[in-house]
Every structure is written in C-alpha cells, then in structure tokens.
C-alpha cells in the first residue's frame, strides 16, 4: 500500500461524516453548513423551506460548482428552486451528504472552486 502526503491547502477540510454529524477541521457540526475552501457559514434553511433567495450566500462565494448534500438519502430539489444557480451558469450536483463530503474533498484538493451545502 502506498501512502501519499495530504497536500490539500484548503482552510476548511472535511475530516469525517456520519449521519447527523459533519466534522470540519476539529469541529463537529450537527446542523447544515455552507462550506468552501476558505469559508464555513451556518446554513439556516431546511430542505423543506429552501427558497430561491436562500442561494444568495452561495452566489456571493462565486463557485464554479455547488454540491448539495441532502442527508443520508438523496432528496431531489425542484428545478425552479435551482434557477439562481442556473442563471449564473454555476454547475450543481445533488447527492447524499456522504458522497458530497467525499466529492468536496477531492475537488478542493484539486484546487477547484467548489462550495457545498451540507445537511447532516
């Protein structure tokens, strides 16, 4: 087995995920968060109350892609709800939170400008 040194330079790195908890650096979060390599912001809208105006903090980060981790199961969002991302030509992927955490780690290690909205 070969080992490789972790060269991810992101200020905020996901260290672990299990249903209901996301560990970023040394802090564990049990509530939704908005995360990119340099910012960690509490995310207040629930999946049930999410509206198009809630994307403003995401748009302010100017990502190329947004990962939406919807908990232990994938919950599909209505396309109209994603219109602010589409209008700004920001790619998005909806997946379960475990997959979103793994994808976020890979993309930040590759220095891609990605952000994630993660529901534990």
PDB file of N, CA and C in Angstrom:
ATOM      1  N   UNK A   1       0.838  -1.168   0.000  1.00  0.00           N
ATOM      2  CA  UNK A   1       0.000   0.000   0.000  1.00  0.00           C
ATOM      3  C   UNK A   1       0.885   1.233   0.000  1.00  0.00           C
ATOM      4  N   UNK A   2       0.585   2.164  -0.892  1.00  0.00           N
ATOM      5  CA  UNK A   2       1.325   3.413  -0.937  1.00  0.00           C
ATOM      6  C   UNK A   2       0.566   4.485  -0.177  1.00  0.00           C
ATOM      7  N   UNK A   3       1.305   5.321   0.515  1.00  0.00           N
ATOM      8  CA  UNK A   3       0.721   6.462   1.198  1.00  0.00           C
ATOM      9  C   UNK A   3       1.173   7.728   0.489  1.00  0.00           C
ATOM     10  N   UNK A   4       0.273   8.702   0.432  1.00  0.00           N
ATOM     11  CA  UNK A   4       0.599   9.980  -0.173  1.00  0.00           C
ATOM     12  C   UNK A   4       0.331  11.084   0.835  1.00  0.00           C
ATOM     13  N   UNK A   5       1.205  12.053   0.865  1.00  0.00           N
ATOM     14  CA  UNK A   5       1.028  13.174   1.766  1.00  0.00           C
ATOM     15  C   UNK A   5      -0.176  13.997   1.337  1.00  0.00           C
ATOM     16  N   UNK A   6      -0.964  14.410   2.328  1.00  0.00           N
ATOM     17  CA  UNK A   6      -2.122  15.252   2.063  1.00  0.00           C
ATOM     18  C   UNK A   6      -1.636  16.661   1.754  1.00  0.00           C
ATOM     19  N   UNK A   7      -1.866  17.119   0.538  1.00  0.00           N
ATOM     20  CA  UNK A   7      -1.402  18.449   0.136  1.00  0.00           C
ATOM     21  C   UNK A   7      -2.563  19.420  -0.055  1.00  0.00           C
ATOM     22  N   UNK A   8      -3.742  19.072   0.451  1.00  0.00           N
ATOM     23  CA  UNK A   8      -4.904  19.942   0.329  1.00  0.00           C
ATOM     24  C   UNK A   8      -4.658  21.208   1.144  1.00  0.00           C
ATOM     25  N   UNK A   9      -4.660  22.364   0.490  1.00  0.00           N
ATOM     26  CA  UNK A   9      -4.353  23.623   1.159  1.00  0.00           C
ATOM     27  C   UNK A   9      -5.598  24.371   1.628  1.00  0.00           C
ATOM     28  N   UNK A  10      -6.758  23.768   1.514  1.00  0.00           N
ATOM     29  CA  UNK A  10      -7.997  24.428   1.923  1.00  0.00           C
ATOM     30  C   UNK A  10      -7.973  24.730   3.419  1.00  0.00           C
ATOM     31  N   UNK A  11      -8.431  25.914   3.791  1.00  0.00           N
ATOM     32  CA  UNK A  11      -8.521  26.303   5.195  1.00  0.00           C
ATOM     33  C   UNK A  11      -9.515  25.409   5.935  1.00  0.00           C
ATOM     34  N   UNK A  12     -10.620  25.070   5.263  1.00  0.00           N
ATOM     35  CA  UNK A  12     -11.640  24.212   5.860  1.00  0.00           C
ATOM     36  C   UNK A  12     -11.675  22.883   5.113  1.00  0.00           C
ATOM     37  N   UNK A  13     -11.445  21.793   5.853  1.00  0.00           N
ATOM     38  CA  UNK A  13     -11.412  20.464   5.259  1.00  0.00           C
ATOM     39  C   UNK A  13     -12.331  19.535   6.036  1.00  0.00           C
ATOM     40  N   UNK A  14     -13.105  18.776   5.298  1.00  0.00           N
ATOM     41  CA  UNK A  14     -13.992  17.798   5.922  1.00  0.00           C
ATOM     42  C   UNK A  14     -13.141  16.616   6.361  1.00  0.00           C
ATOM     43  N   UNK A  15     -13.219  16.301   7.639  1.00  0.00           N
ATOM     44  CA  UNK A  15     -12.434  15.200   8.197  1.00  0.00           C
ATOM     45  C   UNK A  15     -13.246  13.924   8.344  1.00  0.00           C
ATOM     46  N   UNK A  16     -14.562  14.074   8.584  1.00  0.00           N
ATOM     47  CA  UNK A  16     -15.395  12.873   8.673  1.00  0.00           C
ATOM     48  C   UNK A  16     -16.861  13.250   8.547  1.00  0.00           C
ATOM     49  N   UNK A  17     -17.640  12.243   8.212  1.00  0.00           N
ATOM     50  CA  UNK A  17     -19.091  12.403   8.141  1.00  0.00           C
ATOM     51  C   UNK A  17     -19.719  11.113   8.615  1.00  0.00           C
ATOM     52  N   UNK A  18     -20.744  11.255   9.421  1.00  0.00           N
ATOM     53  CA  UNK A  18     -21.648  10.142   9.727  1.00  0.00           C
ATOM     54  C   UNK A  18     -23.016  10.769   9.892  1.00  0.00           C
ATOM     55  N   UNK A  19     -24.046   9.995   9.704  1.00  0.00           N
ATOM     56  CA  UNK A  19     -25.401  10.526   9.711  1.00  0.00           C
ATOM     57  C   UNK A  19     -25.622  11.440  10.910  1.00  0.00           C
ATOM     58  N   UNK A  20     -25.942  12.687  10.621  1.00  0.00           N
ATOM     59  CA  UNK A  20     -26.209  13.659  11.674  1.00  0.00           C
ATOM     60  C   UNK A  20     -25.022  14.491  12.104  1.00  0.00           C
ATOM     61  N   UNK A  21     -23.809  14.174  11.608  1.00  0.00           N
ATOM     62  CA  UNK A  21     -22.613  14.908  12.036  1.00  0.00           C
ATOM     63  C   UNK A  21     -21.603  15.046  10.910  1.00  0.00           C
ATOM     64  N   UNK A  22     -21.083  16.269  10.773  1.00  0.00           N
ATOM     65  CA  UNK A  22     -20.013  16.554   9.813  1.00  0.00           C
ATOM     66  C   UNK A  22     -18.879  17.177  10.599  1.00  0.00           C
ATOM     67  N   UNK A  23     -17.685  16.613  10.486  1.00  0.00           N
ATOM     68  CA  UNK A  23     -16.521  17.183  11.165  1.00  0.00           C
ATOM     69  C   UNK A  23     -15.686  17.930  10.137  1.00  0.00           C
ATOM     70  N   UNK A  24     -15.525  19.229  10.379  1.00  0.00           N
ATOM     71  CA  UNK A  24     -14.699  20.101   9.542  1.00  0.00           C
ATOM     72  C   UNK A  24     -13.547  20.559  10.418  1.00  0.00           C
ATOM     73  N   UNK A  25     -12.330  20.280   9.960  1.00  0.00           N
ATOM     74  CA  UNK A  25     -11.127  20.508  10.768  1.00  0.00           C
ATOM     75  C   UNK A  25     -11.316  19.773  12.101  1.00  0.00           C
ATOM     76  N   UNK A  26     -11.436  20.467  13.208  1.00  0.00           N
ATOM     77  CA  UNK A  26     -11.596  19.794  14.502  1.00  0.00           C
ATOM     78  C   UNK A  26     -12.973  20.002  15.118  1.00  0.00           C
ATOM     79  N   UNK A  27     -13.862  20.695  14.408  1.00  0.00           N
ATOM     80  CA  UNK A  27     -15.201  20.981  14.917  1.00  0.00           C
ATOM     81  C   UNK A  27     -16.236  20.059  14.282  1.00  0.00           C
ATOM     82  N   UNK A  28     -17.171  19.592  15.097  1.00  0.00           N
ATOM     83  CA  UNK A  28     -18.246  18.743  14.600  1.00  0.00           C
ATOM     84  C   UNK A  28     -19.541  19.540  14.568  1.00  0.00           C
ATOM     85  N   UNK A  29     -20.253  19.438  13.451  1.00  0.00           N
ATOM     86  CA  UNK A  29     -21.482  20.185  13.225  1.00  0.00           C
ATOM     87  C   UNK A  29     -22.655  19.226  13.082  1.00  0.00           C
ATOM     88  N   UNK A  30     -23.724  19.528  13.785  1.00  0.00           N
ATOM     89  CA  UNK A  30     -24.934  18.727  13.693  1.00  0.00           C
ATOM     90  C   UNK A  30     -26.045  19.457  12.968  1.00  0.00           C
ATOM     91  N   UNK A  31     -25.725  20.634  12.436  1.00  0.00           N
ATOM     92  CA  UNK A  31     -26.682  21.432  11.692  1.00  0.00           C
ATOM     93  C   UNK A  31     -26.128  21.683  10.298  1.00  0.00           C
ATOM     94  N   UNK A  32     -26.969  22.096   9.366  1.00  0.00           N
ATOM     95  CA  UNK A  32     -26.492  22.331   7.996  1.00  0.00           C
ATOM     96  C   UNK A  32     -25.437  23.439   7.943  1.00  0.00           C
ATOM     97  N   UNK A  33     -24.513  23.287   6.994  1.00  0.00           N
ATOM     98  CA  UNK A  33     -23.463  24.280   6.796  1.00  0.00           C
ATOM     99  C   UNK A  33     -23.278  24.550   5.305  1.00  0.00           C
ATOM    100  N   UNK A  34     -22.767  25.742   5.031  1.00  0.00           N
ATOM    101  CA  UNK A  34     -22.312  26.134   3.695  1.00  0.00           C
ATOM    102  C   UNK A  34     -20.805  26.236   3.798  1.00  0.00           C
ATOM    103  N   UNK A  35     -20.108  25.586   2.901  1.00  0.00           N
ATOM    104  CA  UNK A  35     -18.674  25.437   3.041  1.00  0.00           C
ATOM    105  C   UNK A  35     -17.979  25.603   1.700  1.00  0.00           C
ATOM    106  N   UNK A  36     -16.883  26.348   1.691  1.00  0.00           N
ATOM    107  CA  UNK A  36     -15.937  26.274   0.579  1.00  0.00           C
ATOM    108  C   UNK A  36     -14.549  26.192   1.200  1.00  0.00           C
ATOM    109  N   UNK A  37     -13.518  26.268   0.402  1.00  0.00           N
ATOM    110  CA  UNK A  37     -12.164  26.059   0.921  1.00  0.00           C
ATOM    111  C   UNK A  37     -11.770  27.103   1.964  1.00  0.00           C
ATOM    112  N   UNK A  38     -12.346  28.299   1.889  1.00  0.00           N
ATOM    113  CA  UNK A  38     -11.951  29.398   2.776  1.00  0.00           C
ATOM    114  C   UNK A  38     -13.049  29.891   3.713  1.00  0.00           C
ATOM    115  N   UNK A  39     -14.270  29.379   3.582  1.00  0.00           N
ATOM    116  CA  UNK A  39     -15.392  29.877   4.372  1.00  0.00           C
ATOM    117  C   UNK A  39     -16.235  28.732   4.909  1.00  0.00           C
ATOM    118  N   UNK A  40     -16.714  28.895   6.140  1.00  0.00           N
ATOM    119  CA  UNK A  40     -17.687  27.983   6.727  1.00  0.00           C
ATOM    120  C   UNK A  40     -18.779  28.864   7.336  1.00  0.00           C
ATOM    121  N   UNK A  41     -19.998  28.698   6.844  1.00  0.00           N
ATOM    122  CA  UNK A  41     -21.115  29.559   7.212  1.00  0.00           C
ATOM    123  C   UNK A  41     -22.284  28.674   7.647  1.00  0.00           C
ATOM    124  N   UNK A  42     -22.915  28.979   8.790  1.00  0.00           N
ATOM    125  CA  UNK A  42     -24.128  28.222   9.135  1.00  0.00           C
ATOM    126  C   UNK A  42     -25.175  28.387   8.036  1.00  0.00           C
ATOM    127  N   UNK A  43     -25.874  27.308   7.722  1.00  0.00           N
ATOM    128  CA  UNK A  43     -26.895  27.311   6.675  1.00  0.00           C
ATOM    129  C   UNK A  43     -28.232  27.093   7.367  1.00  0.00           C
ATOM    130  N   UNK A  44     -29.086  28.102   7.356  1.00  0.00           N
ATOM    131  CA  UNK A  44     -30.312  28.020   8.149  1.00  0.00           C
ATOM    132  C   UNK A  44     -31.521  27.401   7.450  1.00  0.00           C
ATOM    133  N   UNK A  45     -31.678  27.527   6.126  1.00  0.00           N
ATOM    134  CA  UNK A  45     -32.900  26.955   5.546  1.00  0.00           C
ATOM    135  C   UNK A  45     -32.885  25.426   5.583  1.00  0.00           C
ATOM    136  N   UNK A  46     -34.028  24.870   5.919  1.00  0.00           N
ATOM    137  CA  UNK A  46     -34.161  23.415   5.831  1.00  0.00           C
ATOM    138  C   UNK A  46     -34.457  23.039   4.381  1.00  0.00           C
ATOM    139  N   UNK A  47     -34.373  21.773   4.080  1.00  0.00           N
ATOM    140  CA  UNK A  47     -34.711  21.325   2.725  1.00  0.00           C
ATOM    141  C   UNK A  47     -36.176  21.635   2.404  1.00  0.00           C
ATOM    142  N   UNK A  48     -37.019  21.624   3.422  1.00  0.00           N
ATOM    143  CA  UNK A  48     -38.450  21.857   3.212  1.00  0.00           C
ATOM    144  C   UNK A  48     -38.770  23.346   3.024  1.00  0.00           C
ATOM    145  N   UNK A  49     -37.924  24.237   3.572  1.00  0.00           N
ATOM    146  CA  UNK A  49     -38.221  25.676   3.484  1.00  0.00           C
ATOM    147  C   UNK A  49     -37.303  26.413   2.516  1.00  0.00           C
ATOM    148  N   UNK A  50     -36.395  25.709   1.876  1.00  0.00           N
ATOM    149  CA  UNK A  50     -35.438  26.331   0.956  1.00  0.00           C
ATOM    150  C   UNK A  50     -36.171  27.094  -0.144  1.00  0.00           C
ATOM    151  N   UNK A  51     -35.726  28.339  -0.408  1.00  0.00           N
ATOM    152  CA  UNK A  51     -36.320  29.142  -1.472  1.00  0.00           C
ATOM    153  C   UNK A  51     -35.208  29.734  -2.331  1.00  0.00           C
ATOM    154  N   UNK A  52     -35.565  30.337  -3.437  1.00  0.00           N
ATOM    155  CA  UNK A  52     -34.544  30.849  -4.353  1.00  0.00           C
ATOM    156  C   UNK A  52     -33.716  31.965  -3.730  1.00  0.00           C
ATOM    157  N   UNK A  53     -34.264  32.729  -2.799  1.00  0.00           N
ATOM    158  CA  UNK A  53     -33.485  33.806  -2.175  1.00  0.00           C
ATOM    159  C   UNK A  53     -32.405  33.258  -1.231  1.00  0.00           C
ATOM    160  N   UNK A  54     -32.559  32.023  -0.798  1.00  0.00           N
ATOM    161  CA  UNK A  54     -31.570  31.418   0.110  1.00  0.00           C
ATOM    162  C   UNK A  54     -30.225  31.155  -0.553  1.00  0.00           C
ATOM    163  N   UNK A  55     -30.166  31.215  -1.881  1.00  0.00           N
ATOM    164  CA  UNK A  55     -28.920  30.952  -2.600  1.00  0.00           C
ATOM    165  C   UNK A  55     -27.964  32.142  -2.577  1.00  0.00           C
ATOM    166  N   UNK A  56     -28.390  33.300  -2.082  1.00  0.00           N
ATOM    167  CA  UNK A  56     -27.539  34.499  -2.084  1.00  0.00           C
ATOM    168  C   UNK A  56     -26.163  34.273  -1.453  1.00  0.00           C
ATOM    169  N   UNK A  57     -26.062  33.648  -0.275  1.00  0.00           N
ATOM    170  CA  UNK A  57     -24.713  33.415   0.287  1.00  0.00           C
ATOM    171  C   UNK A  57     -23.851  32.510  -0.595  1.00  0.00           C
ATOM    172  N   UNK A  58     -24.477  31.574  -1.272  1.00  0.00           N
ATOM    173  CA  UNK A  58     -23.751  30.693  -2.195  1.00  0.00           C
ATOM    174  C   UNK A  58     -23.243  31.505  -3.378  1.00  0.00           C
ATOM    175  N   UNK A  59     -24.103  32.312  -3.964  1.00  0.00           N
ATOM    176  CA  UNK A  59     -23.720  33.130  -5.111  1.00  0.00           C
ATOM    177  C   UNK A  59     -22.596  34.099  -4.754  1.00  0.00           C
ATOM    178  N   UNK A  60     -22.589  34.588  -3.514  1.00  0.00           N
ATOM    179  CA  UNK A  60     -21.546  35.519  -3.077  1.00  0.00           C
ATOM    180  C   UNK A  60     -20.164  34.871  -3.069  1.00  0.00           C
ATOM    181  N   UNK A  61     -20.105  33.557  -2.911  1.00  0.00           N
ATOM    182  CA  UNK A  61     -18.825  32.839  -2.920  1.00  0.00           C
ATOM    183  C   UNK A  61     -18.303  32.608  -4.341  1.00  0.00           C
ATOM    184  N   UNK A  62     -19.136  32.820  -5.330  1.00  0.00           N
ATOM    185  CA  UNK A  62     -18.778  32.696  -6.749  1.00  0.00           C
ATOM    186  C   UNK A  62     -18.154  31.337  -7.115  1.00  0.00           C
ATOM    187  N   UNK A  63     -18.816  30.252  -6.721  1.00  0.00           N
ATOM    188  CA  UNK A  63     -18.255  28.937  -7.050  1.00  0.00           C
ATOM    189  C   UNK A  63     -18.472  28.576  -8.508  1.00  0.00           C
ATOM    190  N   UNK A  64     -17.716  27.607  -8.971  1.00  0.00           N
ATOM    191  CA  UNK A  64     -17.932  27.038 -10.302  1.00  0.00           C
ATOM    192  C   UNK A  64     -18.951  25.902 -10.228  1.00  0.00           C
ATOM    193  N   UNK A  65     -18.979  25.229  -9.063  1.00  0.00           N
ATOM    194  CA  UNK A  65     -19.913  24.117  -8.855  1.00  0.00           C
ATOM    195  C   UNK A  65     -20.369  24.126  -7.402  1.00  0.00           C
ATOM    196  N   UNK A  66     -21.621  23.745  -7.194  1.00  0.00           N
ATOM    197  CA  UNK A  66     -22.198  23.640  -5.857  1.00  0.00           C
ATOM    198  C   UNK A  66     -22.604  22.191  -5.637  1.00  0.00           C
ATOM    199  N   UNK A  67     -22.120  21.620  -4.555  1.00  0.00           N
ATOM    200  CA  UNK A  67     -22.524  20.277  -4.147  1.00  0.00           C
ATOM    201  C   UNK A  67     -23.609  20.434  -3.092  1.00  0.00           C
ATOM    202  N   UNK A  68     -24.702  19.725  -3.256  1.00  0.00           N
ATOM    203  CA  UNK A  68     -25.807  19.799  -2.305  1.00  0.00           C
ATOM    204  C   UNK A  68     -25.970  18.423  -1.686  1.00  0.00           C
ATOM    205  N   UNK A  69     -25.541  18.305  -0.446  1.00  0.00           N
ATOM    206  CA  UNK A  69     -25.650  17.046   0.296  1.00  0.00           C
ATOM    207  C   UNK A  69     -26.924  17.068   1.116  1.00  0.00           C
ATOM    208  N   UNK A  70     -27.860  16.180   0.809  1.00  0.00           N
ATOM    209  CA  UNK A  70     -29.204  16.244   1.381  1.00  0.00           C
ATOM    210  C   UNK A  70     -29.434  15.280   2.544  1.00  0.00           C
ATOM    211  N   UNK A  71     -28.390  14.897   3.247  1.00  0.00           N
ATOM    212  CA  UNK A  71     -28.540  13.969   4.362  1.00  0.00           C
ATOM    213  C   UNK A  71     -28.176  12.551   3.953  1.00  0.00           C
ATOM    214  N   UNK A  72     -28.681  11.584   4.699  1.00  0.00           N
ATOM    215  CA  UNK A  72     -28.310  10.193   4.411  1.00  0.00           C
ATOM    216  C   UNK A  72     -28.951   9.676   3.129  1.00  0.00           C
ATOM    217  N   UNK A  73     -30.030  10.306   2.695  1.00  0.00           N
ATOM    218  CA  UNK A  73     -30.688   9.940   1.441  1.00  0.00           C
ATOM    219  C   UNK A  73     -30.679  11.133   0.492  1.00  0.00           C
ATOM    220  N   UNK A  74     -30.643  10.869  -0.784  1.00  0.00           N
ATOM    221  CA  UNK A  74     -30.706  11.935  -1.772  1.00  0.00           C
ATOM    222  C   UNK A  74     -32.147  12.436  -1.869  1.00  0.00           C
ATOM    223  N   UNK A  75     -32.293  13.749  -1.741  1.00  0.00           N
ATOM    224  CA  UNK A  75     -33.600  14.391  -1.871  1.00  0.00           C
ATOM    225  C   UNK A  75     -33.504  15.334  -3.065  1.00  0.00           C
ATOM    226  N   UNK A  76     -34.296  15.081  -4.085  1.00  0.00           N
ATOM    227  CA  UNK A  76     -34.225  15.889  -5.301  1.00  0.00           C
ATOM    228  C   UNK A  76     -34.964  17.197  -5.098  1.00  0.00           C
ATOM    229  N   UNK A  77     -34.350  18.281  -5.519  1.00  0.00           N
ATOM    230  CA  UNK A  77     -34.947  19.606  -5.416  1.00  0.00           C
ATOM    231  C   UNK A  77     -35.665  19.955  -6.716  1.00  0.00           C
ATOM    232  N   UNK A  78     -36.704  20.740  -6.611  1.00  0.00           N
ATOM    233  CA  UNK A  78     -37.427  21.194  -7.791  1.00  0.00           C
ATOM    234  C   UNK A  78     -36.506  22.056  -8.653  1.00  0.00           C
ATOM    235  N   UNK A  79     -36.491  21.865  -9.965  1.00  0.00           N
ATOM    236  CA  UNK A  79     -35.614  22.657 -10.833  1.00  0.00           C
ATOM    237  C   UNK A  79     -35.784  24.163 -10.663  1.00  0.00           C
ATOM    238  N   UNK A  80     -36.991  24.644 -10.438  1.00  0.00           N
ATOM    239  CA  UNK A  80     -37.213  26.088 -10.273  1.00  0.00           C
ATOM    240  C   UNK A  80     -36.457  26.626  -9.062  1.00  0.00           C
ATOM    241  N   UNK A  81     -36.269  25.796  -8.055  1.00  0.00           N
ATOM    242  CA  UNK A  81     -35.553  26.195  -6.854  1.00  0.00           C
ATOM    243  C   UNK A  81     -34.066  26.430  -7.133  1.00  0.00           C
ATOM    244  N   UNK A  82     -33.548  25.813  -8.174  1.00  0.00           N
ATOM    245  CA  UNK A  82     -32.130  25.918  -8.526  1.00  0.00           C
ATOM    246  C   UNK A  82     -31.863  26.993  -9.586  1.00  0.00           C
ATOM    247  N   UNK A  83     -32.893  27.721  -9.981  1.00  0.00           N
ATOM    248  CA  UNK A  83     -32.774  28.702 -11.054  1.00  0.00           C
ATOM    249  C   UNK A  83     -31.683  29.754 -10.817  1.00  0.00           C
ATOM    250  N   UNK A  84     -31.485  30.251  -9.587  1.00  0.00           N
ATOM    251  CA  UNK A  84     -30.396  31.222  -9.390  1.00  0.00           C
ATOM    252  C   UNK A  84     -29.024  30.671  -9.765  1.00  0.00           C
ATOM    253  N   UNK A  85     -28.789  29.392  -9.525  1.00  0.00           N
ATOM    254  CA  UNK A  85     -27.517  28.764  -9.914  1.00  0.00           C
ATOM    255  C   UNK A  85     -27.440  28.640 -11.437  1.00  0.00           C
ATOM    256  N   UNK A  86     -28.535  28.221 -12.035  1.00  0.00           N
ATOM    257  CA  UNK A  86     -28.585  28.060 -13.487  1.00  0.00           C
ATOM    258  C   UNK A  86     -28.368  29.398 -14.181  1.00  0.00           C
ATOM    259  N   UNK A  87     -29.012  30.450 -13.661  1.00  0.00           N
ATOM    260  CA  UNK A  87     -28.878  31.779 -14.258  1.00  0.00           C
ATOM    261  C   UNK A  87     -27.440  32.278 -14.255  1.00  0.00           C
ATOM    262  N   UNK A  88     -26.667  31.907 -13.234  1.00  0.00           N
ATOM    263  CA  UNK A  88     -25.262  32.330 -13.125  1.00  0.00           C
ATOM    264  C   UNK A  88     -24.307  31.312 -13.743  1.00  0.00           C
ATOM    265  N   UNK A  89     -24.865  30.290 -14.399  1.00  0.00           N
ATOM    266  CA  UNK A  89     -24.088  29.229 -15.038  1.00  0.00           C
ATOM    267  C   UNK A  89     -23.169  28.524 -14.045  1.00  0.00           C
ATOM    268  N   UNK A  90     -23.699  28.261 -12.868  1.00  0.00           N
ATOM    269  CA  UNK A  90     -22.983  27.519 -11.829  1.00  0.00           C
ATOM    270  C   UNK A  90     -23.493  26.084 -11.867  1.00  0.00           C
ATOM    271  N   UNK A  91     -22.579  25.161 -12.016  1.00  0.00           N
ATOM    272  CA  UNK A  91     -22.962  23.759 -12.009  1.00  0.00           C
ATOM    273  C   UNK A  91     -23.384  23.333 -10.619  1.00  0.00           C
ATOM    274  N   UNK A  92     -24.212  22.314 -10.549  1.00  0.00           N
ATOM    275  CA  UNK A  92     -24.625  21.799  -9.243  1.00  0.00           C
ATOM    276  C   UNK A  92     -24.826  20.297  -9.330  1.00  0.00           C
ATOM    277  N   UNK A  93     -24.638  19.652  -8.203  1.00  0.00           N
ATOM    278  CA  UNK A  93     -24.876  18.215  -8.088  1.00  0.00           C
ATOM    279  C   UNK A  93     -25.611  17.981  -6.780  1.00  0.00           C
ATOM    280  N   UNK A  94     -26.680  17.214  -6.846  1.00  0.00           N
ATOM    281  CA  UNK A  94     -27.442  16.844  -5.659  1.00  0.00           C
ATOM    282  C   UNK A  94     -27.120  15.388  -5.356  1.00  0.00           C
ATOM    283  N   UNK A  95     -26.758  15.115  -4.110  1.00  0.00           N
ATOM    284  CA  UNK A  95     -26.376  13.756  -3.717  1.00  0.00           C
ATOM    285  C   UNK A  95     -26.547  13.613  -2.212  1.00  0.00           C
ATOM    286  N   UNK A  96     -26.350  12.402  -1.706  1.00  0.00           N
ATOM    287  CA  UNK A  96     -26.388  12.254  -0.257  1.00  0.00           C
ATOM    288  C   UNK A  96     -25.157  12.947   0.340  1.00  0.00           C
ATOM    289  N   UNK A  97     -25.208  13.252   1.614  1.00  0.00           N
ATOM    290  CA  UNK A  97     -24.153  14.061   2.221  1.00  0.00           C
ATOM    291  C   UNK A  97     -22.810  13.337   2.262  1.00  0.00           C
ATOM    292  N   UNK A  98     -22.799  12.045   2.456  1.00  0.00           N
ATOM    293  CA  UNK A  98     -21.531  11.311   2.436  1.00  0.00           C
ATOM    294  C   UNK A  98     -20.816  11.469   1.109  1.00  0.00           C
ATOM    295  N   UNK A  99     -21.554  11.319   0.019  1.00  0.00           N
ATOM    296  CA  UNK A  99     -20.974  11.485  -1.319  1.00  0.00           C
ATOM    297  C   UNK A  99     -20.533  12.928  -1.541  1.00  0.00           C
ATOM    298  N   UNK A 100     -21.316  13.883  -1.056  1.00  0.00           N
ATOM    299  CA  UNK A 100     -20.961  15.298  -1.216  1.00  0.00           C
ATOM    300  C   UNK A 100     -19.670  15.621  -0.457  1.00  0.00           C
ATOM    301  N   UNK A 101     -19.506  15.053   0.737  1.00  0.00           N
ATOM    302  CA  UNK A 101     -18.278  15.279   1.516  1.00  0.00           C
ATOM    303  C   UNK A 101     -17.058  14.723   0.789  1.00  0.00           C
ATOM    304  N   UNK A 102     -17.172  13.516   0.266  1.00  0.00           N
ATOM    305  CA  UNK A 102     -16.055  12.913  -0.467  1.00  0.00           C
ATOM    306  C   UNK A 102     -15.724  13.720  -1.718  1.00  0.00           C
ATOM    307  N   UNK A 103     -16.745  14.138  -2.444  1.00  0.00           N
ATOM    308  CA  UNK A 103     -16.533  14.914  -3.668  1.00  0.00           C
ATOM    309  C   UNK A 103     -15.913  16.268  -3.350  1.00  0.00           C
ATOM    310  N   UNK A 104     -16.380  16.922  -2.291  1.00  0.00           N
ATOM    311  CA  UNK A 104     -15.819  18.205  -1.868  1.00  0.00           C
ATOM    312  C   UNK A 104     -14.328  18.060  -1.568  1.00  0.00           C
ATOM    313  N   UNK A 105     -13.958  17.031  -0.861  1.00  0.00           N
ATOM    314  CA  UNK A 105     -12.551  16.807  -0.501  1.00  0.00           C
ATOM    315  C   UNK A 105     -11.692  16.623  -1.746  1.00  0.00           C
ATOM    316  N   UNK A 106     -12.170  15.844  -2.691  1.00  0.00           N
ATOM    317  CA  UNK A 106     -11.420  15.608  -3.923  1.00  0.00           C
ATOM    318  C   UNK A 106     -11.274  16.900  -4.729  1.00  0.00           C
ATOM    319  N   UNK A 107     -12.362  17.646  -4.871  1.00  0.00           N
ATOM    320  CA  UNK A 107     -12.317  18.860  -5.685  1.00  0.00           C
ATOM    321  C   UNK A 107     -11.491  19.970  -5.043  1.00  0.00           C
ATOM    322  N   UNK A 108     -11.546  20.101  -3.716  1.00  0.00           N
ATOM    323  CA  UNK A 108     -10.707  21.127  -3.074  1.00  0.00           C
ATOM    324  C   UNK A 108      -9.239  20.732  -3.130  1.00  0.00           C
ATOM    325  N   UNK A 109      -8.938  19.454  -3.049  1.00  0.00           N
ATOM    326  CA  UNK A 109      -7.542  19.011  -3.176  1.00  0.00           C
ATOM    327  C   UNK A 109      -7.011  19.333  -4.567  1.00  0.00           C
ATOM    328  N   UNK A 110      -7.908  19.343  -5.541  1.00  0.00           N
ATOM    329  CA  UNK A 110      -7.548  19.674  -6.920  1.00  0.00           C
ATOM    330  C   UNK A 110      -7.618  21.189  -7.165  1.00  0.00           C
ATOM    331  N   UNK A 111      -7.850  21.948  -6.078  1.00  0.00           N
ATOM    332  CA  UNK A 111      -7.934  23.409  -6.097  1.00  0.00           C
ATOM    333  C   UNK A 111      -9.041  23.930  -7.004  1.00  0.00           C
ATOM    334  N   UNK A 112     -10.130  23.186  -7.080  1.00  0.00           N
ATOM    335  CA  UNK A 112     -11.312  23.632  -7.821  1.00  0.00           C
ATOM    336  C   UNK A 112     -12.137  24.544  -6.921  1.00  0.00           C
ATOM    337  N   UNK A 113     -12.788  25.543  -7.507  1.00  0.00           N
ATOM    338  CA  UNK A 113     -13.612  26.463  -6.719  1.00  0.00           C
ATOM    339  C   UNK A 113     -15.001  25.870  -6.574  1.00  0.00           C
ATOM    340  N   UNK A 114     -15.169  25.103  -5.510  1.00  0.00           N
ATOM    341  CA  UNK A 114     -16.399  24.381  -5.229  1.00  0.00           C
ATOM    342  C   UNK A 114     -16.916  24.841  -3.869  1.00  0.00           C
ATOM    343  N   UNK A 115     -18.209  24.835  -3.727  1.00  0.00           N
ATOM    344  CA  UNK A 115     -18.784  25.006  -2.385  1.00  0.00           C
ATOM    345  C   UNK A 115     -19.809  23.917  -2.189  1.00  0.00           C
ATOM    346  N   UNK A 116     -20.141  23.680  -0.923  1.00  0.00           N
ATOM    347  CA  UNK A 116     -21.071  22.612  -0.589  1.00  0.00           C
ATOM    348  C   UNK A 116     -22.077  23.120   0.419  1.00  0.00           C
ATOM    349  N   UNK A 117     -23.324  22.800   0.182  1.00  0.00           N
ATOM    350  CA  UNK A 117     -24.380  22.973   1.165  1.00  0.00           C
ATOM    351  C   UNK A 117     -24.642  21.569   1.705  1.00  0.00           C
ATOM    352  N   UNK A 118     -24.350  21.387   2.989  1.00  0.00           N
ATOM    353  CA  UNK A 118     -24.381  20.042   3.565  1.00  0.00           C
ATOM    354  C   UNK A 118     -25.387  19.956   4.704  1.00  0.00           C
ATOM    355  N   UNK A 119     -26.338  19.063   4.528  1.00  0.00           N
ATOM    356  CA  UNK A 119     -27.306  18.740   5.581  1.00  0.00           C
ATOM    357  C   UNK A 119     -26.843  17.444   6.237  1.00  0.00           C
ATOM    358  N   UNK A 120     -26.552  17.501   7.543  1.00  0.00           N
ATOM    359  CA  UNK A 120     -26.052  16.269   8.192  1.00  0.00           C
ATOM    360  C   UNK A 120     -27.102  15.179   8.216  1.00  0.00           C
TER     361      UNK A 120
END
